[in-house]
Amino acid sequence: MDKPGLLLVDDDPLIRENLVFLLRSSFTVHTAETRKEAIAVISNLPQPPELSLVDLGLPPYPHDSTEGFALIPELLAINPNMRILVLSGQNEDKNLKHAMTIGAADFIPKPCEPQLLKARLEHQLQLLSIDVDQSKRESYALIGDSPAMVGLRAQITQFANTDFPVLITGESGTGKELIATQLHNASARTAHPYIAVNCAAFSSELLASQLFGHAKGAFTGATREHNGFFAEAKDGTLFLDEIGEMSISLQSNLLRVIENGEYYRIGESRPRLARARIIAASNKNLLEEVRAGRFREDLYYRLCVLSIKTPPLRERYQDKIALLTYFQNIYSGKVPPFELDDEAEDLWLGYVFPGNVRELRNIIVRLGTKYPGQTVSRARLQEELESSEPLATLPAEGAAEDCKTRLKEGNFDLDEHIQKVEWQYIQSALQMCDNNLSHASKLLNVNRTTLYSKIQRLESKAV
């Protein structure tokens, strides 16, 4: 039986050598020294590893956490199911909370006892196996009775049995792949193959070969012919995750498939017929990618004839308790149960969960591990959250009337309004701190990496 894969990212050669020696009996270990090298290593593997150990302090900023934090979402983009454990000497409380918010499953301070490290890795493997088995039976992406979830389920029912492509958009951690699976399972194609391809996990050349196949001798190393995913999907469904990472040249080939159903294997001049239905997903704003020249406009409009936006957890207020119960049930026997007291439950319901369902799941695992069988107080829960700020409370009476007046005027856009307010606070903080990002992040009480990401996003929208 093949050993599970583990990506180890650390700039210290002695640490890498010792960890490889310690872990190689239980895992197939792949090593990298930098963020760029880590992505290159994982992109050249036949399939991404199940686990990753990541140090925060990586070159060219080994004394800063920027590179480590940037790597976590990049790894999750390649393999959303990967369990990332941070192994770092930069174990300040703010680093732990931010790592968990952006998708890390665990945080282990350096130095760490070898047996404890192995136990934490094996524990995450067990939880991963539960998630994989559970996803075959039920999708957490559909749990909840909030208006957003009722609408989502209605869209799945409406779109399941059409042959048109579906474009699924939404933030990381909102379950886009699970929605694609549900679309397939609810369709007449459910007896046929369902193949998921993560476009971010392959180089452009390798992705072309994987999708369309190649003839023997088509390129160096092509020692035998390869059918490709379109052929293997047959009359089923081909799910293209992170389609925003697909190269422009490959986008042209995909457009041809959608328009006339034909594609060419690499090294052949005879067209082949594609019968699979295409479902695509992206956490990027593809319309902005079109405007930036990174995504074909004609392909975008072909894909978004039918579109589904997965709701972020902050829009699913009443579903947060249902998800808490769900994850506690499926992890029963591996993660001890706990309860929230009334004040902790209020905080749980009010927290925005910027990392969405993935963050919620990881927090449940940590709370169950730290407080088995106990009642968790608000203070204990607050220790696990990056920000204790709840969702905005109802405005005061005078402010409420002002809100009503704006709404009556029509053409009100809540997201645009929030972005403008956020941008005003960020600009004010930068002015007060002479554009020092670290000082501004402290003033705003957000992580420096989070602030940098917000600035990039808001500047691109020119709010």
Protein backbone atom coordinates (compact mmCIF):
# COMPACT_ATOMS: atom_id res chain seq x y z
CA MET A 1 0.00 0.00 0.00
CA ASP A 2 1.34 3.43 -0.96
CA LYS A 3 2.35 5.70 1.88
CA PRO A 4 0.52 9.04 2.18
CA GLY A 5 2.30 12.03 0.68
CA LEU A 6 3.78 14.82 2.78
CA LEU A 7 5.20 18.12 1.55
CA LEU A 8 7.83 19.56 3.91
CA VAL A 9 8.68 23.25 3.42
CA ASP A 10 11.50 24.61 5.58
CA ASP A 11 14.56 26.69 4.73
CA ASP A 12 16.79 24.98 7.33
CA PRO A 13 18.58 22.01 5.67
CA LEU A 14 19.30 20.37 9.02
CA ILE A 15 15.62 20.48 10.03
CA ARG A 16 14.60 19.10 6.62
CA GLU A 17 17.12 16.28 6.89
CA ASN A 18 16.04 15.34 10.42
CA LEU A 19 12.34 15.45 9.60
CA VAL A 20 12.76 13.35 6.46
CA PHE A 21 14.64 10.74 8.52
CA LEU A 22 11.90 10.82 11.17
CA LEU A 23 8.91 10.66 8.81
CA ARG A 24 10.03 8.62 5.81
CA SER A 25 8.88 5.32 7.32
CA SER A 26 5.28 6.56 7.46
CA PHE A 27 5.11 9.10 4.62
CA THR A 28 6.42 9.76 1.14
CA VAL A 29 8.18 13.03 1.92
CA HIS A 30 8.78 15.76 -0.66
CA THR A 31 10.90 18.73 0.41
CA ALA A 32 11.18 22.38 -0.58
CA GLU A 33 13.11 25.36 0.75
CA THR A 34 11.00 28.25 -0.58
CA ARG A 35 7.40 29.02 -1.50
CA LYS A 36 8.23 29.02 -5.21
CA GLU A 37 10.02 25.69 -4.95
CA ALA A 38 7.13 24.18 -2.98
CA ILE A 39 4.65 25.04 -5.74
CA ALA A 40 7.05 23.66 -8.38
CA VAL A 41 7.50 20.41 -6.47
CA ILE A 42 3.79 19.82 -5.94
CA SER A 43 2.93 20.78 -9.54
CA ASN A 44 5.24 18.08 -10.89
CA LEU A 45 3.76 15.27 -8.80
CA PRO A 46 1.17 12.89 -10.31
CA GLN A 47 -1.16 13.89 -7.48
CA PRO A 48 -0.71 16.43 -4.67
CA PRO A 49 0.20 15.07 -1.22
CA GLU A 50 -2.43 14.72 1.47
CA LEU A 51 -0.39 16.59 4.11
CA SER A 52 1.99 19.50 4.31
CA LEU A 53 4.33 20.79 7.02
CA VAL A 54 5.04 24.48 6.45
CA ASP A 55 7.43 26.82 8.23
CA LEU A 56 6.28 30.46 8.25
CA GLY A 57 9.73 32.02 7.95
CA LEU A 58 10.80 31.27 4.38
CA PRO A 59 13.24 33.00 2.01
CA PRO A 60 13.55 35.76 1.01
CA TYR A 61 12.05 36.85 4.37
CA PRO A 62 13.08 34.11 6.84
CA HIS A 63 12.44 36.36 9.85
CA ASP A 64 8.95 37.30 8.69
CA SER A 65 5.80 35.20 8.27
CA THR A 66 4.78 36.68 4.91
CA GLU A 67 5.96 33.83 2.66
CA GLY A 68 4.57 31.08 4.86
CA PHE A 69 1.17 32.75 5.05
CA ALA A 70 1.16 33.29 1.27
CA LEU A 71 1.96 29.61 0.67
CA ILE A 72 -1.00 28.20 2.64
CA PRO A 73 -3.80 29.41 0.30
CA GLU A 74 -1.66 28.55 -2.74
CA LEU A 75 -1.38 24.93 -1.57
CA LEU A 76 -5.11 24.79 -0.85
CA ALA A 77 -5.80 26.12 -4.35
CA ILE A 78 -3.93 23.11 -5.73
CA ASN A 79 -5.50 20.62 -3.33
CA PRO A 80 -8.46 21.98 -1.32
CA ASN A 81 -8.48 18.82 0.81
CA MET A 82 -4.83 19.07 1.84
CA ARG A 83 -4.24 19.21 5.58
CA ILE A 84 -1.62 21.88 6.23
CA LEU A 85 0.19 21.89 9.56
CA VAL A 86 2.31 24.92 10.39
CA LEU A 87 5.58 23.98 12.11
CA SER A 88 7.21 27.24 13.11
CA GLY A 89 9.20 29.06 15.75
CA GLN A 90 7.12 32.17 14.99
CA ASN A 91 4.44 30.92 17.33
CA GLU A 92 2.95 34.19 18.49
CA ASP A 93 -0.78 34.03 19.16
CA LYS A 94 -1.60 36.30 16.20
CA ASN A 95 0.31 34.00 13.83
CA LEU A 96 -1.52 30.93 15.11
CA LYS A 97 -4.93 32.57 14.67
CA HIS A 98 -4.15 33.89 11.20
CA ALA A 99 -2.79 30.53 10.02
CA MET A 100 -6.01 28.83 11.12
CA THR A 101 -8.13 31.53 9.49
CA ILE A 102 -6.54 31.12 6.04
CA GLY A 103 -6.80 27.34 6.08
CA ALA A 104 -4.13 25.66 8.22
CA ALA A 105 -5.46 22.61 10.06
CA ASP A 106 -2.97 22.76 12.95
CA PHE A 107 -0.13 24.87 14.37
CA ILE A 108 2.85 23.20 16.04
CA PRO A 109 5.50 25.38 17.72
CA LYS A 110 9.18 24.61 17.23
CA PRO A 111 10.88 22.72 18.73
CA CYS A 112 8.47 19.79 18.72
CA GLU A 113 8.82 16.29 20.16
CA PRO A 114 9.11 13.81 17.24
CA GLN A 115 6.40 11.48 18.50
CA LEU A 116 4.01 14.40 19.07
CA LEU A 117 4.60 15.59 15.50
CA LYS A 118 3.91 12.13 14.08
CA ALA A 119 0.78 11.82 16.20
CA ARG A 120 -0.55 15.19 14.98
CA LEU A 121 0.11 14.22 11.35
CA GLU A 122 -1.58 10.84 11.75
CA HIS A 123 -4.54 12.51 13.47
CA GLN A 124 -5.05 14.82 10.49
CA LEU A 125 -4.86 11.83 8.15
CA GLN A 126 -7.62 10.13 10.10
CA LEU A 127 -9.82 13.24 9.89
CA LEU A 128 -9.10 13.50 6.17
CA SER A 129 -10.20 9.91 5.60
CA ILE A 130 -13.45 10.64 7.47
CA ASP A 131 -14.06 13.70 5.27
CA VAL A 132 -13.44 11.68 2.09
CA ASP A 133 -15.82 8.91 3.17
CA GLN A 134 -18.45 11.41 4.30
CA SER A 135 -18.32 13.39 1.06
CA LYS A 136 -19.50 10.26 -0.75
CA ARG A 137 -22.67 10.20 1.33
CA GLU A 138 -23.51 13.79 2.19
CA SER A 139 -22.23 17.22 1.34
CA TYR A 140 -21.71 19.77 4.11
CA ALA A 141 -21.99 22.41 1.41
CA LEU A 142 -25.75 21.80 1.44
CA ILE A 143 -26.31 21.83 5.20
CA GLY A 144 -28.45 24.62 6.60
CA ASP A 145 -31.80 26.32 6.15
CA SER A 146 -30.65 29.90 5.70
CA PRO A 147 -32.17 31.75 2.72
CA ALA A 148 -28.79 31.52 0.96
CA MET A 149 -28.76 27.72 1.27
CA VAL A 150 -32.40 27.34 0.23
CA GLY A 151 -31.58 29.32 -2.91
CA LEU A 152 -28.45 27.28 -3.55
CA ARG A 153 -30.30 23.97 -3.35
CA ALA A 154 -32.95 25.32 -5.71
CA GLN A 155 -30.27 26.27 -8.26
CA ILE A 156 -28.70 22.81 -8.10
CA THR A 157 -32.07 21.20 -8.78
CA GLN A 158 -32.74 23.65 -11.61
CA PHE A 159 -29.34 23.25 -13.33
CA ALA A 160 -28.63 19.55 -12.71
CA ASN A 161 -30.21 18.06 -15.83
CA THR A 162 -29.22 20.59 -18.46
CA ASP A 163 -26.28 20.01 -20.78
CA PHE A 164 -25.05 23.59 -20.58
CA PRO A 165 -21.81 24.34 -18.68
CA VAL A 166 -22.13 25.67 -15.14
CA LEU A 167 -19.75 28.20 -13.59
CA ILE A 168 -19.43 28.03 -9.80
CA THR A 169 -17.85 31.03 -8.10
CA GLY A 170 -17.24 31.89 -4.48
CA GLU A 171 -14.62 32.40 -1.81
CA SER A 172 -12.16 29.72 -0.74
CA GLY A 173 -13.59 27.25 1.73
CA THR A 174 -17.23 27.56 0.61
CA GLY A 175 -17.48 24.09 -0.96
CA LYS A 176 -17.40 24.73 -4.72
CA GLU A 177 -16.18 21.22 -5.54
CA LEU A 178 -18.90 19.73 -3.35
CA ILE A 179 -21.51 21.71 -5.28
CA ALA A 180 -20.11 20.34 -8.54
CA THR A 181 -20.42 16.82 -7.15
CA GLN A 182 -24.02 17.48 -6.17
CA LEU A 183 -24.81 18.78 -9.67
CA HIS A 184 -23.48 15.53 -11.11
CA ASN A 185 -25.22 13.30 -8.58
CA ALA A 186 -28.57 15.03 -9.15
CA SER A 187 -28.32 14.70 -12.93
CA ALA A 188 -29.13 11.94 -15.39
CA ARG A 189 -25.35 11.53 -15.81
CA THR A 190 -24.87 10.17 -12.30
CA ALA A 191 -24.25 6.62 -13.59
CA HIS A 192 -21.40 7.93 -15.75
CA PRO A 193 -17.92 9.07 -14.61
CA TYR A 194 -17.33 12.23 -12.62
CA ILE A 195 -13.78 13.53 -13.02
CA ALA A 196 -12.42 16.52 -11.10
CA VAL A 197 -9.35 18.35 -12.40
CA ASN A 198 -7.62 21.14 -10.51
CA CYS A 199 -6.19 23.48 -13.15
CA ALA A 200 -3.86 25.07 -10.59
CA ALA A 201 -2.13 21.74 -9.95
CA PHE A 202 -0.57 21.38 -13.42
CA SER A 203 1.70 23.34 -15.71
CA SER A 204 0.00 24.46 -18.94
CA GLU A 205 1.68 21.72 -21.02
CA LEU A 206 0.86 18.96 -18.55
CA LEU A 207 -2.73 20.16 -18.15
CA ALA A 208 -3.22 20.04 -21.93
CA SER A 209 -1.99 16.45 -21.98
CA GLN A 210 -4.19 15.52 -18.99
CA LEU A 211 -7.33 17.07 -20.48
CA PHE A 212 -7.06 16.15 -24.15
CA GLY A 213 -4.61 13.25 -24.13
CA HIS A 214 -1.64 12.68 -26.41
CA ALA A 215 -0.39 10.29 -29.04
CA LYS A 216 2.65 8.09 -28.53
CA GLY A 217 5.79 10.08 -29.38
CA ALA A 218 3.94 13.43 -29.36
CA PHE A 219 6.67 14.90 -27.15
CA THR A 220 9.74 13.83 -25.21
CA GLY A 221 8.70 11.29 -22.61
CA ALA A 222 5.42 10.33 -24.34
CA THR A 223 6.32 6.64 -24.53
CA ARG A 224 2.69 5.57 -24.88
CA GLU A 225 -0.61 7.16 -25.83
CA HIS A 226 -2.81 8.78 -23.20
CA ASN A 227 -6.59 9.15 -23.50
CA GLY A 228 -7.05 12.30 -21.42
CA PHE A 229 -9.84 13.30 -19.06
CA PHE A 230 -12.34 14.27 -21.76
CA ALA A 231 -12.19 10.74 -23.14
CA GLU A 232 -12.29 9.16 -19.68
CA ALA A 233 -15.30 11.25 -18.59
CA LYS A 234 -17.30 9.84 -21.54
CA ASP A 235 -20.97 10.83 -21.01
CA GLY A 236 -20.36 11.99 -17.45
CA THR A 237 -19.13 15.25 -15.94
CA LEU A 238 -15.75 16.97 -16.15
CA PHE A 239 -15.20 19.43 -13.31
CA LEU A 240 -12.51 22.07 -13.96
CA ASP A 241 -11.60 23.61 -10.62
CA GLU A 242 -9.61 26.87 -10.42
CA ILE A 243 -10.26 27.48 -14.12
CA GLY A 244 -8.92 31.01 -13.69
CA GLU A 245 -5.43 29.47 -13.55
CA MET A 246 -5.74 27.97 -17.05
CA SER A 247 -3.42 29.53 -19.66
CA ILE A 248 -4.87 31.63 -22.49
CA SER A 249 -3.77 29.06 -25.10
CA LEU A 250 -5.55 26.25 -23.29
CA GLN A 251 -8.62 28.44 -22.87
CA SER A 252 -8.83 28.58 -26.68
CA ASN A 253 -8.87 24.77 -26.87
CA LEU A 254 -11.55 24.57 -24.19
CA LEU A 255 -13.67 27.13 -26.02
CA ARG A 256 -13.53 24.94 -29.13
CA VAL A 257 -14.82 21.98 -27.12
CA ILE A 258 -17.74 23.99 -25.73
CA GLU A 259 -18.66 25.48 -29.11
CA ASN A 260 -18.54 22.40 -31.33
CA GLY A 261 -17.72 19.47 -29.05
CA GLU A 262 -14.40 18.72 -30.74
CA TYR A 263 -10.85 18.49 -29.41
CA TYR A 264 -7.50 17.18 -30.60
CA ARG A 265 -5.11 14.94 -28.76
CA ILE A 266 -1.58 16.33 -28.71
CA GLY A 267 0.30 14.95 -31.71
CA GLU A 268 -2.86 14.10 -33.71
CA SER A 269 -4.74 15.91 -36.49
CA ARG A 270 -7.96 13.90 -36.24
CA PRO A 271 -10.67 15.59 -34.16
CA ARG A 272 -12.33 13.65 -31.35
CA LEU A 273 -15.77 14.16 -29.90
CA ALA A 274 -16.23 15.31 -26.28
CA ARG A 275 -19.50 14.19 -24.70
CA ALA A 276 -18.91 15.16 -21.07
CA ARG A 277 -20.70 18.07 -19.45
CA ILE A 278 -18.36 20.79 -18.20
CA ILE A 279 -18.64 22.36 -14.76
CA ALA A 280 -16.04 25.00 -13.89
CA ALA A 281 -15.19 26.80 -10.66
CA SER A 282 -13.04 29.70 -9.54
CA ASN A 283 -12.50 31.79 -6.42
CA LYS A 284 -11.31 34.63 -8.66
CA ASN A 285 -13.54 37.30 -10.13
CA LEU A 286 -13.33 36.05 -13.71
CA LEU A 287 -14.87 39.23 -15.12
CA GLU A 288 -11.97 41.18 -13.60
CA GLU A 289 -9.60 38.58 -15.10
CA VAL A 290 -11.22 39.26 -18.48
CA ARG A 291 -10.67 42.99 -18.09
CA ALA A 292 -7.04 42.35 -17.15
CA GLY A 293 -6.53 40.21 -20.26
CA ARG A 294 -5.90 37.01 -18.31
CA PHE A 295 -9.13 35.24 -19.26
CA ARG A 296 -10.89 35.02 -22.62
CA GLU A 297 -14.09 37.04 -22.75
CA ASP A 298 -15.80 34.62 -25.15
CA LEU A 299 -14.98 31.66 -22.90
CA TYR A 300 -16.24 33.51 -19.84
CA TYR A 301 -19.64 34.15 -21.42
CA ARG A 302 -19.84 30.55 -22.66
CA LEU A 303 -19.22 29.27 -19.14
CA CYS A 304 -21.50 31.61 -17.22
CA VAL A 305 -24.73 30.92 -19.09
CA LEU A 306 -25.62 29.07 -15.88
CA SER A 307 -23.81 30.32 -12.79
CA ILE A 308 -23.89 29.49 -9.09
CA LYS A 309 -22.32 31.64 -6.38
CA THR A 310 -21.54 29.70 -3.23
CA PRO A 311 -22.51 31.84 -0.23
CA PRO A 312 -19.80 32.72 2.30
CA LEU A 313 -20.43 31.65 5.87
CA ARG A 314 -21.00 35.25 7.00
CA GLU A 315 -24.23 35.16 4.95
CA ARG A 316 -25.36 31.92 6.62
CA TYR A 317 -25.90 33.15 10.19
CA GLN A 318 -28.36 30.46 11.26
CA ASP A 319 -26.39 27.61 9.65
CA LYS A 320 -23.34 27.91 11.92
CA ILE A 321 -24.84 25.81 14.73
CA ALA A 322 -26.01 23.17 12.23
CA LEU A 323 -22.46 22.95 10.85
CA LEU A 324 -21.04 22.69 14.38
CA THR A 325 -23.33 19.74 15.08
CA TYR A 326 -22.54 18.16 11.71
CA PHE A 327 -18.76 18.18 12.14
CA GLN A 328 -18.97 17.01 15.75
CA ASN A 329 -21.08 14.06 14.59
CA ILE A 330 -18.84 12.98 11.71
CA TYR A 331 -15.68 13.30 13.82
CA SER A 332 -17.24 11.42 16.73
CA GLY A 333 -14.68 8.97 18.09
CA LYS A 334 -11.73 10.96 16.73
CA VAL A 335 -12.43 14.42 18.15
CA PRO A 336 -14.05 14.60 21.61
CA PRO A 337 -17.32 16.56 21.78
CA PHE A 338 -17.66 19.90 23.56
CA GLU A 339 -20.41 22.40 24.22
CA LEU A 340 -20.56 26.18 23.92
CA ASP A 341 -22.02 28.18 26.78
CA ASP A 342 -24.57 30.86 25.92
CA GLU A 343 -22.03 33.67 25.55
CA ALA A 344 -19.71 31.49 23.46
CA GLU A 345 -22.62 30.53 21.23
CA ASP A 346 -23.43 34.21 20.68
CA LEU A 347 -19.81 34.79 19.67
CA TRP A 348 -19.90 31.72 17.40
CA LEU A 349 -23.00 33.02 15.63
CA GLY A 350 -21.58 36.54 15.34
CA TYR A 351 -18.11 35.61 14.08
CA VAL A 352 -17.67 36.20 10.33
CA PHE A 353 -15.45 33.12 9.67
CA PRO A 354 -13.29 34.73 6.96
CA GLY A 355 -11.91 31.26 6.15
CA ASN A 356 -15.49 29.98 5.73
CA VAL A 357 -16.44 26.34 6.38
CA ARG A 358 -12.83 25.17 6.29
CA GLU A 359 -11.95 27.54 9.14
CA LEU A 360 -15.05 26.50 11.10
CA ARG A 361 -14.13 22.83 10.76
CA ASN A 362 -10.56 23.38 11.92
CA ILE A 363 -11.69 25.40 14.93
CA ILE A 364 -14.04 22.58 15.95
CA VAL A 365 -11.14 20.09 15.81
CA ARG A 366 -8.95 22.35 17.94
CA LEU A 367 -11.66 23.03 20.53
CA GLY A 368 -12.52 19.34 20.83
CA THR A 369 -8.85 18.45 21.25
CA LYS A 370 -8.17 21.16 23.84
CA TYR A 371 -11.41 20.93 25.81
CA PRO A 372 -12.70 17.33 25.50
CA GLY A 373 -16.13 16.89 27.05
CA GLN A 374 -16.07 20.41 28.49
CA THR A 375 -18.20 23.50 28.15
CA VAL A 376 -16.29 26.14 26.19
CA SER A 377 -16.62 29.70 27.45
CA ARG A 378 -16.59 32.85 25.35
CA ALA A 379 -13.02 33.58 26.48
CA ARG A 380 -11.80 30.14 25.40
CA LEU A 381 -13.52 30.41 22.03
CA GLN A 382 -12.15 33.90 21.53
CA GLU A 383 -8.61 32.49 21.82
CA GLU A 384 -9.20 30.51 18.60
CA LEU A 385 -10.58 33.38 16.50
CA GLU A 386 -8.44 35.82 14.57
CA SER A 387 -10.84 38.65 15.26
CA SER A 388 -13.39 38.80 18.05
CA GLU A 389 -15.42 41.41 16.20
CA PRO A 390 -18.96 40.09 15.64
CA LEU A 391 -21.09 40.82 12.63
CA ALA A 392 -22.38 44.37 12.59
CA THR A 393 -25.16 44.91 15.07
CA LEU A 394 -28.34 46.74 14.20
CA PRO A 395 -27.75 50.48 13.78
CA ALA A 396 -29.04 53.02 16.25
CA GLU A 397 -32.50 54.43 15.58
CA GLY A 398 -31.29 57.54 13.76
CA ALA A 399 -28.79 55.60 11.70
CA ALA A 400 -31.46 53.03 10.88
CA GLU A 401 -33.69 55.74 9.41
CA ASP A 402 -30.77 56.94 7.29
CA CYS A 403 -30.28 53.38 6.02
CA LYS A 404 -33.95 53.11 5.13
CA THR A 405 -33.77 56.38 3.19
CA ARG A 406 -30.82 55.10 1.15
CA LEU A 407 -32.56 51.82 0.44
CA LYS A 408 -35.71 53.60 -0.74
CA GLU A 409 -33.65 55.59 -3.21
CA GLY A 410 -32.88 52.34 -5.03
CA ASN A 411 -29.68 51.07 -6.70
CA PHE A 412 -28.06 50.41 -3.31
CA ASP A 413 -25.15 47.94 -3.43
CA LEU A 414 -24.24 46.57 0.01
CA ASP A 415 -20.92 45.02 -1.06
CA GLU A 416 -19.83 48.27 -2.72
CA HIS A 417 -20.81 50.29 0.36
CA ILE A 418 -18.86 47.97 2.69
CA GLN A 419 -15.82 48.10 0.42
CA LYS A 420 -15.87 51.90 0.43
CA VAL A 421 -16.03 52.05 4.22
CA GLU A 422 -13.25 49.45 4.51
CA TRP A 423 -11.07 51.35 2.04
CA GLN A 424 -11.61 54.63 3.91
CA TYR A 425 -10.43 53.06 7.19
CA ILE A 426 -7.40 51.49 5.51
CA GLN A 427 -6.40 54.75 3.83
CA SER A 428 -6.80 56.64 7.10
CA ALA A 429 -4.67 54.12 8.97
CA LEU A 430 -1.93 54.26 6.32
CA GLN A 431 -1.90 58.08 6.46
CA MET A 432 -1.64 58.03 10.26
CA CYS A 433 1.25 55.53 10.06
CA ASP A 434 3.15 57.18 7.17
CA ASN A 435 2.30 54.18 4.95
CA ASN A 436 3.98 51.75 7.31
CA LEU A 437 2.05 48.52 6.68
CA SER A 438 3.04 46.86 9.96
CA HIS A 439 1.98 49.86 12.06
CA ALA A 440 -1.27 50.24 10.11
CA SER A 441 -2.13 46.56 10.59
CA LYS A 442 -1.73 46.97 14.36
CA LEU A 443 -3.90 50.09 14.32
CA LEU A 444 -6.61 48.23 12.41
CA ASN A 445 -6.15 45.09 14.52
CA VAL A 446 -5.66 42.81 11.49
CA ASN A 447 -2.77 40.64 10.40
CA ARG A 448 -0.21 42.35 8.16
CA THR A 449 -0.71 39.75 5.39
CA THR A 450 -4.47 40.18 5.59
CA LEU A 451 -4.13 43.95 5.29
CA TYR A 452 -1.83 43.60 2.26
CA SER A 453 -4.37 41.28 0.58
CA LYS A 454 -7.21 43.73 1.30
CA ILE A 455 -5.24 46.62 -0.20
CA GLN A 456 -4.51 44.63 -3.37
CA ARG A 457 -8.17 43.60 -3.72
CA LEU A 458 -9.60 47.06 -3.05
CA GLU A 459 -7.07 48.87 -5.25
CA SER A 460 -7.95 46.55 -8.14
CA LYS A 461 -11.59 47.55 -7.76
CA ALA A 462 -10.70 51.24 -7.46
CA VAL A 463 -13.30 51.80 -4.78
